[in-house]
Amino acid sequence: MISKEIHLKSRPTGLPAAANFTMVEREIGEPGAGEILIQNHYMSVDPYMRGRMAMAWPLDEVMIGGALGKVVTSNNPNFQVGDYVTHGLGWREYAISNGEGVNQIDPELAPLSAYLGVMGMPGLTAYGGLLVTGEYKPGETVFVSAASGAVGSIVGQIAKIHGSSVIGSAGSDDKVEMLKASLGFDHAFNYKTADPLAELRKAAPKGIDIYFENVGGPQLEAALTHMRPYGRIPICGMISTYNDGATATPGPRNLTETIYKHITLKGFVVSAFVDQQAQFLTDMSRWIKSGEVKYNETIFDGIDNAVTAFEGLFQGANNGKMLVKLVSE
């Protein structure tokens, strides 16, 4: 059996490009004792991958990342043929695993693709980042940057469920309208054409309590200026800086705002919320079924389009979670 997989060929300078990747065809043998063979149905591309490509990930090896597939051969008693599973074995059509880091999912609870988005890593990132790292209190005013993305769109809806006034920013007028009309944001603005600080002052005259940080740059400065005393800034990412190359984006010039307002800035990664996983799945599946949480997906077909999908993350091509579909369900 031949499996296509995508390797990191060189480290990007600035925006990632097709030249930084190479497609490899590899023969897949039978799984050994204690192993399973997974045929991947979906693979994920995510902004965090850009940072890992800079130094953490080795060259000439398969790109690491989340994927979802079906067990087609099993020599492991913990997995049966036909089980649907998620794993982190990356950008490939087939994967062999000893079961470590492989998690069974329930396809009756939510659509398969959702387990790489709203029911998966992005959803748990939003859930834990807001409720745990952000120390959210019901009724607070929340500002979310990159609010139409896989994480930001869920953050805003969780805050709304808990009674918040929610402000979001996005990179196009269509996305801004979607945030307000479909996802229930109280106010949204196009950060490319609007003044972030003026928008925050208009939408929340008394200030904001939480800024869920996905972007950095001018939006972080605006949030710091308009933050209420004892405000919190959970830092999920800063996508505006990921492709800086040799010229770094200047940091916020107003960190002094943190002093007398007692503002907390705290970074986090999703692995901090393992203890929240069970409750997250219970809550999120209920919210999806009730219609309290809606989600969008942008799906490219075939592993040949994986690099194009990844590049699109930094060009505003995605609405919600960006995925690559590898087989027809």
Protein backbone atom coordinates (compact mmCIF):
# COMPACT_ATOMS: atom_id res chain seq x y z
CA MET A 1 0.00 0.00 0.00
CA ILE A 2 1.30 3.45 -0.98
CA SER A 3 0.62 6.46 1.26
CA LYS A 4 1.29 10.06 0.33
CA GLU A 5 2.74 12.30 3.04
CA ILE A 6 4.09 15.83 3.16
CA HIS A 7 7.53 16.58 4.55
CA LEU A 8 9.07 19.85 5.71
CA LYS A 9 11.81 20.49 3.15
CA SER A 10 13.15 23.87 4.30
CA ARG A 11 12.40 26.48 6.93
CA PRO A 12 10.25 29.36 5.68
CA THR A 13 11.39 32.95 5.67
CA GLY A 14 8.26 35.04 5.97
CA LEU A 15 5.13 33.41 4.62
CA PRO A 16 5.34 29.64 4.09
CA ALA A 17 5.38 28.61 0.44
CA ALA A 18 5.11 25.43 -1.61
CA ALA A 19 8.90 25.33 -1.98
CA ASN A 20 9.21 24.65 1.76
CA PHE A 21 7.42 21.30 1.43
CA THR A 22 7.77 18.12 -0.57
CA MET A 23 5.36 15.29 -1.30
CA VAL A 24 6.67 11.80 -0.54
CA GLU A 25 5.10 8.46 -1.44
CA ARG A 26 5.86 5.77 1.09
CA GLU A 27 5.03 2.07 1.10
CA ILE A 28 3.04 1.11 4.18
CA GLY A 29 3.54 -2.40 5.52
CA GLU A 30 1.35 -4.39 7.84
CA PRO A 31 1.21 -3.18 11.45
CA GLY A 32 3.27 -5.17 13.93
CA ALA A 33 2.34 -6.62 17.29
CA GLY A 34 0.38 -4.10 19.35
CA GLU A 35 0.03 -1.73 16.40
CA ILE A 36 -2.86 -0.37 14.34
CA LEU A 37 -3.12 0.93 10.79
CA ILE A 38 -5.20 4.10 10.39
CA GLN A 39 -6.60 5.46 7.15
CA ASN A 40 -6.91 9.19 7.66
CA HIS A 41 -10.15 10.89 6.61
CA TYR A 42 -9.23 14.44 7.64
CA MET A 43 -6.07 16.30 8.56
CA SER A 44 -5.74 19.65 10.24
CA VAL A 45 -3.70 22.71 9.34
CA ASP A 46 -3.26 25.27 12.13
CA PRO A 47 -1.47 28.61 12.64
CA TYR A 48 0.67 27.26 15.48
CA MET A 49 2.45 25.03 12.97
CA ARG A 50 4.20 28.05 11.48
CA GLY A 51 6.10 28.66 14.72
CA ARG A 52 7.11 25.01 15.07
CA MET A 53 8.49 25.01 11.52
CA ALA A 54 11.01 27.70 12.49
CA MET A 55 13.15 25.37 14.59
CA ALA A 56 11.27 22.70 16.53
CA TRP A 57 10.38 20.33 13.69
CA PRO A 58 13.11 18.40 11.83
CA LEU A 59 13.58 18.75 8.10
CA ASP A 60 12.85 15.93 5.66
CA GLU A 61 10.30 14.34 7.96
CA VAL A 62 6.51 14.31 7.86
CA MET A 63 4.72 17.43 9.09
CA ILE A 64 3.24 16.87 12.53
CA GLY A 65 -0.39 17.77 13.20
CA GLY A 66 -3.84 16.57 14.12
CA ALA A 67 -5.65 14.03 11.99
CA LEU A 68 -8.74 11.86 12.17
CA GLY A 69 -9.12 8.45 10.63
CA LYS A 70 -10.53 4.95 10.73
CA VAL A 71 -8.74 1.86 12.03
CA VAL A 72 -8.45 -0.54 9.09
CA THR A 73 -6.15 -3.14 10.69
CA SER A 74 -5.64 -3.77 14.38
CA ASN A 75 -3.18 -5.88 16.34
CA ASN A 76 -3.96 -3.91 19.49
CA PRO A 77 -6.73 -5.11 21.84
CA ASN A 78 -7.65 -1.52 22.71
CA PHE A 79 -8.75 -0.74 19.14
CA GLN A 80 -11.15 -2.51 16.82
CA VAL A 81 -11.32 -2.36 13.03
CA GLY A 82 -13.84 0.36 12.22
CA ASP A 83 -13.03 2.55 15.22
CA TYR A 84 -12.74 6.26 14.44
CA VAL A 85 -9.76 7.90 16.12
CA THR A 86 -7.87 11.16 16.36
CA HIS A 87 -4.09 11.38 16.61
CA GLY A 88 -1.16 13.73 16.02
CA LEU A 89 0.77 11.78 13.42
CA GLY A 90 0.48 14.46 10.81
CA TRP A 91 0.09 15.14 7.15
CA ARG A 92 -0.28 11.67 5.66
CA GLU A 93 -2.92 9.41 4.17
CA TYR A 94 -2.13 6.38 6.34
CA ALA A 95 -0.45 6.03 9.72
CA ILE A 96 0.77 3.12 11.83
CA SER A 97 0.68 3.57 15.61
CA ASN A 98 1.16 1.58 18.79
CA GLY A 99 -1.89 3.39 20.17
CA GLU A 100 -0.02 5.99 22.19
CA GLY A 101 -1.68 9.38 21.75
CA VAL A 102 -4.54 7.86 19.73
CA ASN A 103 -8.03 8.64 21.01
CA GLN A 104 -11.29 6.96 20.05
CA ILE A 105 -14.17 9.28 19.19
CA ASP A 106 -17.92 8.82 18.95
CA PRO A 107 -19.19 9.59 15.43
CA GLU A 108 -22.75 9.63 16.78
CA LEU A 109 -22.00 12.55 19.08
CA ALA A 110 -20.87 14.98 16.36
CA PRO A 111 -19.79 14.91 12.70
CA LEU A 112 -16.32 13.45 12.17
CA SER A 113 -14.76 16.71 10.99
CA ALA A 114 -15.88 18.46 14.18
CA TYR A 115 -13.39 16.41 16.21
CA LEU A 116 -10.55 18.37 14.62
CA GLY A 117 -12.34 21.65 15.23
CA VAL A 118 -15.10 22.60 17.63
CA MET A 119 -15.00 19.20 19.42
CA GLY A 120 -11.22 18.94 19.22
CA MET A 121 -8.08 20.95 19.91
CA PRO A 122 -9.43 24.37 18.78
CA GLY A 123 -12.62 23.93 20.79
CA LEU A 124 -10.79 22.87 23.95
CA THR A 125 -8.34 25.76 23.44
CA ALA A 126 -11.25 28.19 23.36
CA TYR A 127 -12.99 26.55 26.33
CA GLY A 128 -9.97 26.37 28.61
CA GLY A 129 -8.41 29.61 27.43
CA LEU A 130 -11.51 31.61 28.30
CA LEU A 131 -12.86 29.79 31.36
CA VAL A 132 -9.61 28.66 33.01
CA THR A 133 -6.73 30.89 31.88
CA GLY A 134 -9.01 33.89 31.38
CA GLU A 135 -10.68 33.27 34.75
CA TYR A 136 -13.96 34.25 33.14
CA LYS A 137 -16.80 35.57 35.31
CA PRO A 138 -20.39 35.54 34.01
CA GLY A 139 -21.52 38.78 32.47
CA GLU A 140 -18.07 40.21 31.75
CA THR A 141 -17.31 42.07 28.53
CA VAL A 142 -15.06 40.06 26.22
CA PHE A 143 -13.07 41.10 23.15
CA VAL A 144 -11.82 38.38 20.79
CA SER A 145 -9.39 38.97 17.93
CA ALA A 146 -9.35 36.66 14.89
CA ALA A 147 -12.93 36.04 15.94
CA SER A 148 -13.99 34.25 12.76
CA GLY A 149 -11.26 31.61 13.17
CA ALA A 150 -11.53 28.11 14.60
CA VAL A 151 -10.71 29.22 18.15
CA GLY A 152 -11.98 32.80 18.26
CA SER A 153 -15.45 31.97 16.93
CA ILE A 154 -15.95 29.43 19.73
CA VAL A 155 -14.58 31.75 22.42
CA GLY A 156 -17.18 34.38 21.53
CA GLN A 157 -20.06 31.92 21.58
CA ILE A 158 -19.05 30.40 24.92
CA ALA A 159 -18.90 33.90 26.38
CA LYS A 160 -22.38 34.65 24.99
CA ILE A 161 -23.76 31.45 26.53
CA HIS A 162 -22.48 32.72 29.89
CA GLY A 163 -24.15 36.10 29.52
CA SER A 164 -21.36 38.27 28.15
CA SER A 165 -21.30 41.20 25.83
CA VAL A 166 -18.88 40.08 23.10
CA ILE A 167 -16.82 42.09 20.62
CA GLY A 168 -14.94 40.46 17.75
CA SER A 169 -12.51 41.49 15.04
CA ALA A 170 -12.03 39.85 11.65
CA GLY A 171 -10.31 40.57 8.36
CA SER A 172 -13.22 41.15 5.98
CA ASP A 173 -16.65 42.76 5.97
CA ASP A 174 -18.25 39.40 5.14
CA LYS A 175 -16.67 37.80 8.22
CA VAL A 176 -17.74 40.74 10.37
CA GLU A 177 -21.33 40.31 9.21
CA MET A 178 -21.16 36.56 9.88
CA LEU A 179 -20.00 37.19 13.46
CA LYS A 180 -22.98 39.43 14.15
CA ALA A 181 -25.71 37.76 12.11
CA SER A 182 -24.83 34.09 12.61
CA LEU A 183 -22.71 33.75 15.75
CA GLY A 184 -24.43 36.36 17.91
CA PHE A 185 -21.53 38.76 18.58
CA ASP A 186 -22.80 42.07 19.94
CA HIS A 187 -20.29 44.08 17.92
CA ALA A 188 -17.66 43.26 15.33
CA PHE A 189 -15.26 45.23 13.15
CA ASN A 190 -12.88 44.81 10.26
CA TYR A 191 -9.43 45.39 11.73
CA LYS A 192 -8.04 46.21 8.27
CA THR A 193 -10.29 49.23 7.79
CA ALA A 194 -11.35 50.29 11.31
CA ASP A 195 -9.51 51.79 14.27
CA PRO A 196 -9.53 49.04 16.94
CA LEU A 197 -9.46 51.42 19.89
CA ALA A 198 -12.31 53.53 18.51
CA GLU A 199 -14.36 50.37 17.93
CA LEU A 200 -13.76 49.13 21.48
CA ARG A 201 -14.74 52.49 22.93
CA LYS A 202 -17.90 52.52 20.86
CA ALA A 203 -18.92 48.96 21.69
CA ALA A 204 -17.92 48.95 25.37
CA PRO A 205 -17.85 52.49 26.81
CA LYS A 206 -17.03 51.16 30.29
CA GLY A 207 -14.12 49.03 29.09
CA ILE A 208 -13.43 45.34 28.53
CA ASP A 209 -12.73 42.67 31.14
CA ILE A 210 -11.09 40.01 28.98
CA TYR A 211 -9.17 40.24 25.74
CA PHE A 212 -8.71 36.81 24.15
CA GLU A 213 -5.47 37.37 22.25
CA ASN A 214 -4.96 35.65 18.90
CA VAL A 215 -3.28 38.39 16.88
CA GLY A 216 -0.94 40.83 18.67
CA GLY A 217 0.12 44.21 17.27
CA PRO A 218 -2.26 47.19 17.25
CA GLN A 219 -5.19 45.17 18.58
CA LEU A 220 -3.23 44.26 21.70
CA GLU A 221 -2.33 47.91 22.20
CA ALA A 222 -5.99 48.91 21.86
CA ALA A 223 -7.10 46.24 24.31
CA LEU A 224 -4.52 47.30 26.90
CA THR A 225 -5.66 50.90 26.64
CA HIS A 226 -9.34 50.02 27.03
CA MET A 227 -8.99 47.27 29.66
CA ARG A 228 -10.85 47.63 32.93
CA PRO A 229 -9.04 47.23 36.27
CA TYR A 230 -8.11 43.62 37.01
CA GLY A 231 -8.67 42.66 33.39
CA ARG A 232 -7.14 39.48 31.98
CA ILE A 233 -5.51 38.76 28.64
CA PRO A 234 -5.21 35.02 27.91
CA ILE A 235 -2.63 34.78 25.14
CA CYS A 236 -3.52 32.01 22.69
CA GLY A 237 -1.43 33.23 19.77
CA MET A 238 -0.07 36.23 17.89
CA ILE A 239 -0.55 35.37 14.25
CA SER A 240 0.42 38.85 13.07
CA THR A 241 4.03 38.09 14.08
CA TYR A 242 4.45 34.52 12.81
CA ASN A 243 5.85 35.46 9.41
CA ASP A 244 8.00 38.41 10.45
CA GLY A 245 11.26 36.90 9.28
CA ALA A 246 14.26 39.10 10.07
CA THR A 247 12.10 42.17 10.79
CA ALA A 248 10.16 41.69 13.99
CA THR A 249 6.78 43.31 14.54
CA PRO A 250 7.12 45.96 17.28
CA GLY A 251 5.66 44.98 20.61
CA PRO A 252 2.91 46.95 22.36
CA ARG A 253 4.12 50.40 23.40
CA ASN A 254 1.72 50.69 26.33
CA LEU A 255 2.55 47.84 28.69
CA THR A 256 2.51 50.42 31.47
CA GLU A 257 -1.29 50.04 31.30
CA THR A 258 -0.83 46.76 33.16
CA ILE A 259 0.60 48.42 36.28
CA TYR A 260 -2.13 50.54 37.80
CA LYS A 261 -4.94 48.54 36.23
CA HIS A 262 -3.50 45.29 37.68
CA ILE A 263 -3.90 43.58 34.29
CA THR A 264 -2.81 39.95 33.93
CA LEU A 265 -1.31 38.66 30.67
CA LYS A 266 -0.95 34.89 30.64
CA GLY A 267 0.06 32.55 27.85
CA PHE A 268 -1.25 29.00 27.58
CA VAL A 269 -1.33 25.90 25.41
CA VAL A 270 -4.15 23.40 25.09
CA SER A 271 -2.31 20.64 26.98
CA ALA A 272 -2.99 22.64 30.16
CA PHE A 273 -6.67 21.64 29.91
CA VAL A 274 -6.46 17.85 29.87
CA ASP A 275 -8.43 17.75 33.12
CA GLN A 276 -11.21 19.73 31.42
CA GLN A 277 -11.54 17.34 28.46
CA ALA A 278 -14.50 15.26 29.65
CA GLN A 279 -16.54 18.25 30.80
CA PHE A 280 -15.65 20.10 27.60
CA LEU A 281 -16.97 17.29 25.40
CA THR A 282 -20.17 17.09 27.44
CA ASP A 283 -20.76 20.83 27.32
CA MET A 284 -19.80 21.33 23.69
CA SER A 285 -21.87 18.46 22.31
CA ARG A 286 -24.87 19.82 24.24
CA TRP A 287 -24.31 23.35 22.92
CA ILE A 288 -24.00 22.12 19.34
CA LYS A 289 -27.21 20.09 19.58
CA SER A 290 -29.10 23.01 21.14
CA GLY A 291 -27.84 25.43 18.49
CA GLU A 292 -26.09 27.61 21.08
CA VAL A 293 -22.79 26.96 19.33
CA LYS A 294 -22.46 27.08 15.57
CA TYR A 295 -19.27 26.40 13.69
CA ASN A 296 -17.81 26.90 10.25
CA GLU A 297 -15.33 24.77 8.35
CA THR A 298 -13.23 25.48 5.28
CA ILE A 299 -12.33 22.16 3.66
CA PHE A 300 -9.82 21.46 0.90
CA ASP A 301 -9.98 18.13 -0.92
CA GLY A 302 -6.97 15.84 -1.12
CA ILE A 303 -3.51 15.82 0.40
CA ASP A 304 -2.22 17.50 -2.77
CA ASN A 305 -3.98 20.66 -1.54
CA ALA A 306 -2.68 20.56 2.04
CA VAL A 307 0.04 23.15 1.48
CA THR A 308 -2.44 25.47 -0.27
CA ALA A 309 -4.76 25.14 2.72
CA PHE A 310 -1.92 25.92 5.13
CA GLU A 311 -0.87 29.00 3.15
CA GLY A 312 -4.49 30.14 3.18
CA LEU A 313 -4.45 30.43 6.97
CA PHE A 314 -2.19 33.47 6.66
CA GLN A 315 -4.16 35.00 3.80
CA GLY A 316 -7.60 35.00 5.41
CA ALA A 317 -8.85 32.12 3.25
CA ASN A 318 -10.52 30.25 6.09
CA ASN A 319 -13.86 30.80 7.74
CA GLY A 320 -13.69 28.77 10.93
CA LYS A 321 -11.59 25.61 11.02
CA MET A 322 -9.33 24.82 8.07
CA LEU A 323 -9.26 21.13 7.17
CA VAL A 324 -8.07 18.84 4.40
CA LYS A 325 -10.37 15.96 3.47
CA LEU A 326 -8.45 12.85 2.46
CA VAL A 327 -11.20 10.32 1.67
CA SER A 328 -14.94 10.33 1.02
CA GLU A 329 -16.89 9.22 4.09
